[in-house]
Amino acid sequence: MSRAPAQPVLHAVKAEAVVVPTVAPVPEGELTEVEARRIDLWWSAVMVGSLGLVFALLAVFGGVAVPVLLALAGAYIFNPIVTTLERRGLDRTWGTTLVFAAGTLLMVGAVLYLVPVFRDEALKLPDFFSRASTQVVPRLEALLGRSVPDLVRQRTTELGQQASDLVQSAGPAAARLLAAFAGNTARFVVTLLGLAVVPVLAFFFLQDYPRLMGRLKDLLPRRAVGLVGRRFAEVDEVLSAFVRGQLTVGALLSVIYAAGLSVGRIDMAIVIGVIAGFGNMVPYLGTGLGILLSLVGLMLSWQGPWQLGVVAGTFIFGQMLEGFVITPRIVGEKVGLAPVAVIIAILAFGELFGFVGILLAVPVAAILKVVLSVVVQRYQRTSMYTGEARSP
């Protein structure tokens, strides 16, 4: 009796999951000087190239690039608040929604309050300049005890009349400009869509801010993560110290100056206070303009020497509060940008790139400051600078 051929036995083999090894970042302290110098120089070159690319995109695709940059700026400014809420247990999406809701309510309230105020102040401008041209010089002569040259009197009258005419024609000119702009339907629609999409983009950028930063960090070479991360932290420290700090200082000083000048019954007190407060972002400009406009308003609304004391006390109190309380305790004592660097950056980028250059002058200056300090630091560690012989 023949046996049936034996059937082959099939054994099931359990498939093992394939684990992709992850490479841990190399600590910055384990890099050699040559590696650190190469990484820093590459980072500096990439940052300068990225700035050039941003300006090129603005020149070619300004209608698209500007809303994206505004949304990124908004996400950068409000990210610390959302991050703080997230650390206290609130979901990031809800934290972003809460920040946007609070910001929207604050903006609507400010608009509802400030628009009528500024409208009333704007209606006073023609009369303000007209009275300035006819009353400032006589009051100045009475204060100095001598008459000013006829040429100064004539030029003051002409400037006052020209300023009054300019303000009176500003409204119709703006309306004509808006009508001409709206006539180009495509451009008008693109501009409106760009402005409308900024809050939407800012919301998603703010919600996904840690994820975006994490993905960018994952793209870095593992040996460069620590050092490059520290360089970006230095840029953030310089930039945030100026942008967030100056916005806070400007808002507080605007309230202080506007309140003080209103107590002194100075014409255009609110407008002068806002100009002096937020003008402080350009060092010395806001304070200088505020004092000059306040003196003009003082001459037009003179009621006694007590007003001069109120004006002087307002600006002295504001500057002392900014120097001893607001900046050290509210903004922080981080090293930002030097006043001279800010002025040069605004003048240079404004001349080269116009209004967009003025807006980007401070962020670009902050990045270039860190880049320059990194390059100088690496140069001072080379044998060319120290004069030491190279190790074999």
Protein backbone atom coordinates (compact mmCIF):
# COMPACT_ATOMS: atom_id res chain seq x y z
CA MET A 1 0.00 0.00 0.00
CA SER A 2 1.60 3.20 -1.17
CA ARG A 3 1.61 6.29 0.98
CA ALA A 4 0.43 9.64 -0.26
CA PRO A 5 3.25 12.09 -0.80
CA ALA A 6 3.84 14.31 2.20
CA GLN A 7 2.48 17.81 1.83
CA PRO A 8 4.92 20.60 2.46
CA VAL A 9 4.31 22.35 5.75
CA LEU A 10 4.12 26.15 5.49
CA HIS A 11 5.22 28.06 8.59
CA ALA A 12 3.82 31.56 9.06
CA VAL A 13 6.54 34.03 9.80
CA LYS A 14 5.50 37.09 11.76
CA ALA A 15 6.63 40.27 10.03
CA GLU A 16 8.64 42.59 12.24
CA ALA A 17 8.08 46.29 12.10
CA VAL A 18 10.85 48.19 10.39
CA VAL A 19 12.20 50.85 12.70
CA VAL A 20 13.85 53.80 11.08
CA PRO A 21 16.69 54.90 13.32
CA THR A 22 16.60 58.51 14.37
CA VAL A 23 19.76 60.50 14.61
CA ALA A 24 20.00 62.61 17.73
CA PRO A 25 21.21 66.18 17.34
CA VAL A 26 24.84 66.75 18.22
CA PRO A 27 25.27 69.09 21.20
CA GLU A 28 26.89 72.39 20.34
CA GLY A 29 29.74 71.78 22.76
CA GLU A 30 30.89 68.69 20.85
CA LEU A 31 31.54 70.62 17.63
CA THR A 32 35.10 71.43 16.71
CA GLU A 33 36.02 75.04 15.99
CA VAL A 34 36.32 74.28 12.28
CA GLU A 35 32.84 72.70 12.18
CA ALA A 36 31.29 75.53 14.19
CA ARG A 37 32.91 78.13 11.93
CA ARG A 38 31.65 76.38 8.80
CA ILE A 39 28.12 76.10 10.20
CA ASP A 40 28.06 79.74 11.27
CA LEU A 41 29.31 80.97 7.91
CA TRP A 42 26.75 78.86 6.07
CA TRP A 43 24.00 80.13 8.35
CA SER A 44 25.09 83.74 7.78
CA ALA A 45 25.12 83.26 4.02
CA VAL A 46 21.68 81.62 4.05
CA MET A 47 20.20 84.43 6.16
CA VAL A 48 21.56 87.15 3.87
CA GLY A 49 20.37 85.21 0.82
CA SER A 50 16.93 84.75 2.37
CA LEU A 51 16.62 88.49 2.97
CA GLY A 52 17.51 89.14 -0.66
CA LEU A 53 14.92 86.58 -1.73
CA VAL A 54 12.24 88.27 0.41
CA PHE A 55 12.85 91.64 -1.24
CA ALA A 56 12.90 90.01 -4.69
CA LEU A 57 9.54 88.32 -4.00
CA LEU A 58 8.12 91.62 -2.78
CA ALA A 59 9.24 93.29 -5.98
CA VAL A 60 7.76 90.58 -8.22
CA PHE A 61 4.79 89.22 -6.22
CA GLY A 62 4.05 92.09 -3.86
CA GLY A 63 0.30 91.49 -3.89
CA VAL A 64 0.79 87.96 -2.55
CA ALA A 65 3.97 88.37 -0.51
CA VAL A 66 2.80 91.34 1.58
CA PRO A 67 -0.27 89.58 3.11
CA VAL A 68 1.84 86.51 3.89
CA LEU A 69 4.52 88.61 5.59
CA LEU A 70 1.88 90.52 7.58
CA ALA A 71 0.31 87.24 8.70
CA LEU A 72 3.71 85.84 9.73
CA ALA A 73 4.44 89.04 11.65
CA GLY A 74 1.13 88.75 13.49
CA ALA A 75 1.80 85.10 14.34
CA TYR A 76 5.28 86.01 15.61
CA ILE A 77 3.98 88.84 17.81
CA PHE A 78 1.14 86.86 19.43
CA ASN A 79 2.91 83.48 19.70
CA PRO A 80 4.27 84.12 23.25
CA ILE A 81 0.73 84.77 24.54
CA VAL A 82 -0.67 81.59 22.98
CA THR A 83 2.34 79.59 24.17
CA THR A 84 1.78 80.84 27.74
CA LEU A 85 -1.88 79.79 27.58
CA GLU A 86 -0.84 76.40 26.19
CA ARG A 87 1.59 75.84 29.07
CA ARG A 88 -1.25 76.47 31.50
CA GLY A 89 -3.26 73.63 30.02
CA LEU A 90 -5.34 75.35 27.34
CA ASP A 91 -5.45 73.69 23.93
CA ARG A 92 -3.49 75.70 21.34
CA THR A 93 -6.45 75.99 18.99
CA TRP A 94 -8.62 77.38 21.77
CA GLY A 95 -5.78 79.64 22.89
CA THR A 96 -5.40 81.01 19.36
CA THR A 97 -9.15 81.54 19.12
CA LEU A 98 -9.19 83.33 22.48
CA VAL A 99 -6.32 85.63 21.48
CA PHE A 100 -7.97 86.47 18.16
CA ALA A 101 -11.34 87.09 19.80
CA ALA A 102 -9.78 89.38 22.41
CA GLY A 103 -7.77 91.19 19.74
CA THR A 104 -10.86 91.64 17.57
CA LEU A 105 -12.92 93.04 20.45
CA LEU A 106 -10.08 95.36 21.43
CA MET A 107 -9.66 96.56 17.86
CA VAL A 108 -13.39 97.14 17.37
CA GLY A 109 -13.60 99.04 20.65
CA ALA A 110 -10.58 101.14 19.75
CA VAL A 111 -12.01 101.92 16.32
CA LEU A 112 -15.41 102.85 17.71
CA TYR A 113 -13.77 105.19 20.21
CA LEU A 114 -10.82 106.57 18.25
CA VAL A 115 -12.42 107.14 14.84
CA PRO A 116 -14.85 109.83 16.10
CA VAL A 117 -12.06 111.38 18.18
CA PHE A 118 -9.61 111.54 15.28
CA ARG A 119 -12.37 112.75 12.94
CA ASP A 120 -13.06 115.66 15.28
CA GLU A 121 -9.34 116.35 15.59
CA ALA A 122 -8.90 116.21 11.81
CA LEU A 123 -11.66 118.78 11.33
CA LYS A 124 -9.63 121.14 13.51
CA LEU A 125 -6.47 120.84 11.42
CA PRO A 126 -7.19 123.59 8.84
CA ASP A 127 -8.02 126.07 11.58
CA PHE A 128 -5.00 124.86 13.57
CA PHE A 129 -2.58 125.65 10.74
CA SER A 130 -4.31 128.93 9.89
CA ARG A 131 -4.08 130.16 13.48
CA ALA A 132 -0.51 128.89 13.72
CA SER A 133 0.53 131.06 10.78
CA THR A 134 -1.04 134.22 12.26
CA GLN A 135 -0.64 133.78 16.04
CA VAL A 136 2.57 131.84 16.68
CA VAL A 137 4.92 134.56 15.42
CA PRO A 138 3.33 137.40 17.51
CA ARG A 139 3.40 135.23 20.63
CA LEU A 140 7.00 134.26 19.90
CA GLU A 141 7.90 137.95 19.52
CA ALA A 142 6.21 138.77 22.81
CA LEU A 143 8.08 135.92 24.51
CA LEU A 144 11.49 136.93 23.10
CA GLY A 145 10.92 140.67 23.45
CA ARG A 146 12.05 141.38 19.89
CA SER A 147 10.55 141.21 16.42
CA VAL A 148 11.43 138.44 13.99
CA PRO A 149 12.59 139.25 10.45
CA ASP A 150 9.89 139.93 7.88
CA LEU A 151 11.11 136.98 5.83
CA VAL A 152 10.39 134.57 8.71
CA ARG A 153 6.95 136.11 9.21
CA GLN A 154 6.16 135.84 5.50
CA ARG A 155 7.38 132.24 5.19
CA THR A 156 5.44 131.22 8.29
CA THR A 157 2.24 132.68 6.86
CA GLU A 158 2.82 130.96 3.52
CA LEU A 159 3.58 127.59 5.14
CA GLY A 160 0.52 127.83 7.37
CA GLN A 161 -1.73 128.63 4.42
CA GLN A 162 -0.22 125.84 2.31
CA ALA A 163 -0.65 123.34 5.15
CA SER A 164 -4.27 124.43 5.64
CA ASP A 165 -5.00 124.11 1.93
CA LEU A 166 -3.28 120.72 1.83
CA VAL A 167 -5.36 119.38 4.72
CA GLN A 168 -8.59 120.71 3.21
CA SER A 169 -7.83 119.06 -0.11
CA ALA A 170 -6.65 115.79 1.44
CA GLY A 171 -10.16 114.33 1.70
CA PRO A 172 -11.22 114.94 -1.92
CA ALA A 173 -7.79 113.86 -3.15
CA ALA A 174 -8.04 110.61 -1.18
CA ALA A 175 -11.52 110.02 -2.58
CA ARG A 176 -10.29 110.58 -6.14
CA LEU A 177 -7.34 108.27 -5.54
CA LEU A 178 -9.61 105.58 -4.15
CA ALA A 179 -11.99 105.96 -7.10
CA ALA A 180 -9.13 105.70 -9.59
CA PHE A 181 -7.76 102.68 -7.76
CA ALA A 182 -11.16 101.05 -7.65
CA GLY A 183 -11.48 101.66 -11.39
CA ASN A 184 -8.82 99.03 -11.90
CA THR A 185 -11.17 96.26 -10.80
CA ALA A 186 -8.64 93.44 -10.79
CA ARG A 187 -6.13 95.31 -8.66
CA PHE A 188 -8.83 96.53 -6.29
CA VAL A 189 -10.22 93.02 -5.79
CA VAL A 190 -6.73 91.56 -5.24
CA THR A 191 -5.97 94.22 -2.63
CA LEU A 192 -9.24 93.61 -0.77
CA LEU A 193 -8.71 89.85 -0.85
CA GLY A 194 -5.15 90.32 0.38
CA LEU A 195 -6.28 92.42 3.33
CA ALA A 196 -9.14 90.03 4.10
CA VAL A 197 -6.93 86.95 4.01
CA VAL A 198 -4.33 88.33 6.47
CA PRO A 199 -6.32 87.41 9.64
CA VAL A 200 -7.08 83.94 8.22
CA LEU A 201 -3.44 83.25 7.40
CA ALA A 202 -2.32 84.69 10.74
CA PHE A 203 -4.73 82.39 12.59
CA PHE A 204 -3.39 79.24 10.91
CA PHE A 205 0.23 80.37 11.18
CA LEU A 206 -0.26 81.06 14.89
CA GLN A 207 -2.04 77.76 15.48
CA ASP A 208 0.65 75.74 13.68
CA TYR A 209 3.60 77.89 14.80
CA PRO A 210 5.36 75.18 16.89
CA ARG A 211 4.74 72.58 14.17
CA LEU A 212 6.18 74.84 11.46
CA MET A 213 9.24 75.63 13.55
CA GLY A 214 9.64 71.93 14.37
CA ARG A 215 9.58 70.94 10.70
CA LEU A 216 12.15 73.56 9.82
CA LYS A 217 14.33 72.32 12.67
CA ASP A 218 14.00 68.72 11.45
CA LEU A 219 15.41 69.75 8.06
CA LEU A 220 18.65 71.00 9.59
CA PRO A 221 21.74 68.76 9.59
CA ARG A 222 21.95 66.98 12.93
CA ARG A 223 25.38 68.37 13.75
CA ALA A 224 24.16 71.92 13.13
CA VAL A 225 20.87 71.87 15.08
CA GLY A 226 22.22 73.13 18.40
CA LEU A 227 24.33 75.96 17.02
CA VAL A 228 21.78 77.11 14.42
CA GLY A 229 19.02 76.99 17.05
CA ARG A 230 21.08 79.29 19.26
CA ARG A 231 21.61 81.72 16.39
CA PHE A 232 17.88 81.93 15.72
CA ALA A 233 17.30 82.44 19.44
CA GLU A 234 19.68 85.41 19.31
CA VAL A 235 17.75 86.87 16.36
CA ASP A 236 14.48 86.38 18.22
CA GLU A 237 15.86 88.06 21.34
CA VAL A 238 17.05 91.14 19.44
CA LEU A 239 13.90 91.38 17.31
CA SER A 240 11.39 90.78 20.09
CA ALA A 241 13.20 93.22 22.37
CA PHE A 242 12.60 95.94 19.82
CA VAL A 243 9.27 95.10 18.15
CA ARG A 244 7.25 93.89 21.14
CA GLY A 245 9.03 96.29 23.45
CA GLN A 246 8.52 99.39 21.31
CA LEU A 247 4.87 98.57 20.66
CA THR A 248 4.31 98.35 24.41
CA VAL A 249 6.27 101.52 25.08
CA GLY A 250 4.49 103.38 22.26
CA ALA A 251 1.02 102.45 23.52
CA LEU A 252 1.78 103.44 27.12
CA LEU A 253 3.51 106.69 26.17
CA SER A 254 0.64 107.62 23.84
CA VAL A 255 -1.81 107.33 26.73
CA ILE A 256 0.47 109.29 29.08
CA TYR A 257 1.17 112.10 26.60
CA ALA A 258 -2.44 112.38 25.39
CA ALA A 259 -3.75 112.48 28.97
CA GLY A 260 -1.18 115.02 30.13
CA LEU A 261 -1.67 117.34 27.16
CA SER A 262 -5.46 117.09 27.53
CA VAL A 263 -5.13 118.16 31.17
CA GLY A 264 -3.07 121.10 29.92
CA ARG A 265 -5.86 121.99 27.45
CA ILE A 266 -3.49 121.84 24.49
CA ASP A 267 -5.02 121.85 21.03
CA MET A 268 -4.77 118.49 19.19
CA ALA A 269 -3.72 116.78 22.44
CA ILE A 270 -4.73 113.24 21.38
CA VAL A 271 -3.14 113.46 17.94
CA ILE A 272 0.08 114.90 19.39
CA GLY A 273 0.13 112.22 22.10
CA VAL A 274 -0.20 109.37 19.60
CA ILE A 275 2.45 110.85 17.29
CA ALA A 276 4.86 111.34 20.19
CA GLY A 277 4.17 107.90 21.70
CA PHE A 278 4.38 105.64 18.66
CA GLY A 279 6.91 107.92 16.98
CA ASN A 280 9.23 106.79 19.76
CA MET A 281 9.84 103.63 17.69
CA VAL A 282 12.22 105.81 15.70
CA PRO A 283 14.57 107.00 18.47
CA TYR A 284 14.27 110.68 19.40
CA LEU A 285 11.83 111.39 16.54
CA GLY A 286 8.63 110.89 18.52
CA THR A 287 9.75 112.93 21.52
CA GLY A 288 11.10 115.74 19.35
CA LEU A 289 7.95 115.97 17.23
CA GLY A 290 5.76 115.76 20.32
CA ILE A 291 7.56 118.64 22.05
CA LEU A 292 7.54 120.78 18.90
CA LEU A 293 3.82 120.23 18.20
CA SER A 294 3.00 120.74 21.86
CA LEU A 295 4.74 124.11 21.87
CA VAL A 296 2.80 125.16 18.76
CA GLY A 297 -0.44 124.00 20.37
CA LEU A 298 0.55 125.79 23.57
CA MET A 299 0.95 129.10 21.75
CA LEU A 300 -2.45 128.67 20.11
CA SER A 301 -4.27 127.81 23.33
CA TRP A 302 -2.34 129.94 25.82
CA GLN A 303 -4.16 130.35 29.13
CA GLY A 304 -1.28 130.93 31.47
CA PRO A 305 2.21 129.77 32.53
CA TRP A 306 0.68 126.71 34.21
CA GLN A 307 0.21 125.14 30.76
CA LEU A 308 3.93 125.31 30.08
CA GLY A 309 4.53 123.48 33.35
CA VAL A 310 1.99 120.80 32.45
CA VAL A 311 3.58 120.23 29.02
CA ALA A 312 7.10 120.04 30.46
CA GLY A 313 5.94 117.81 33.30
CA THR A 314 4.12 115.48 30.88
CA PHE A 315 7.18 114.82 28.73
CA ILE A 316 9.59 114.63 31.67
CA PHE A 317 7.28 112.21 33.49
CA GLY A 318 6.81 110.11 30.34
CA GLN A 319 10.55 109.87 29.67
CA MET A 320 11.37 109.03 33.30
CA LEU A 321 8.61 106.42 33.44
CA GLU A 322 9.84 104.89 30.17
CA GLY A 323 13.44 104.81 31.33
CA PHE A 324 12.97 103.59 34.91
CA VAL A 325 9.74 101.55 34.88
CA ILE A 326 8.36 100.61 31.45
CA THR A 327 11.54 99.43 29.76
CA PRO A 328 13.25 97.67 32.73
CA ARG A 329 10.19 96.09 34.38
CA ILE A 330 7.57 95.70 31.64
CA VAL A 331 9.57 95.33 28.44
CA GLY A 332 12.69 93.81 29.96
CA GLU A 333 16.36 94.66 29.84
CA LYS A 334 17.17 92.64 26.74
CA VAL A 335 19.67 94.20 24.41
CA GLY A 336 17.83 95.30 21.30
CA LEU A 337 18.99 97.56 18.50
CA ALA A 338 20.99 100.70 19.12
CA PRO A 339 19.15 103.93 18.25
CA VAL A 340 21.74 104.83 15.62
CA ALA A 341 21.33 101.42 13.96
CA VAL A 342 17.54 101.87 13.80
CA ILE A 343 17.80 105.34 12.26
CA ILE A 344 20.37 104.24 9.66
CA ALA A 345 18.35 101.13 8.79
CA ILE A 346 15.11 103.08 8.30
CA LEU A 347 16.83 105.72 6.16
CA ALA A 348 18.74 103.19 4.06
CA PHE A 349 15.94 100.70 3.42
CA GLY A 350 13.41 103.49 2.93
CA GLU A 351 15.62 104.98 0.23
CA LEU A 352 16.21 101.62 -1.46
CA PHE A 353 12.80 99.94 -1.19
CA GLY A 354 10.32 102.69 -0.31
CA PHE A 355 7.53 102.17 2.22
CA VAL A 356 7.99 98.38 2.31
CA GLY A 357 11.65 98.93 3.11
CA ILE A 358 10.70 101.13 6.06
CA LEU A 359 8.40 98.39 7.41
CA LEU A 360 11.11 95.73 7.06
CA ALA A 361 14.01 97.91 8.20
CA VAL A 362 13.92 96.87 11.87
CA PRO A 363 13.57 93.07 11.33
CA VAL A 364 16.29 93.13 8.68
CA ALA A 365 18.55 95.20 10.93
CA ALA A 366 18.02 92.71 13.78
CA ILE A 367 19.00 89.78 11.56
CA LEU A 368 21.99 91.58 10.09
CA LYS A 369 23.16 92.56 13.59
CA VAL A 370 23.30 88.91 14.65
CA VAL A 371 24.88 87.86 11.33
CA LEU A 372 27.58 90.52 11.66
CA SER A 373 28.30 89.61 15.29
CA VAL A 374 28.60 85.91 14.34
CA VAL A 375 31.00 86.63 11.48
CA VAL A 376 33.12 88.91 13.68
CA GLN A 377 33.12 86.32 16.47
CA ARG A 378 34.34 83.58 14.13
CA TYR A 379 36.94 85.87 12.58
CA GLN A 380 38.36 86.72 16.01
CA ARG A 381 38.92 83.01 16.64
CA THR A 382 40.95 82.45 13.48
CA SER A 383 44.74 82.23 13.42
CA MET A 384 44.76 85.26 11.11
CA TYR A 385 43.34 87.39 13.92
CA THR A 386 45.08 85.80 16.93
CA GLY A 387 48.44 85.40 15.18
CA GLU A 388 48.81 81.84 16.46
CA ALA A 389 50.33 79.15 14.31
CA ARG A 390 47.91 76.62 12.85
CA SER A 391 47.88 73.23 14.48
CA PRO A 392 49.05 70.46 12.15
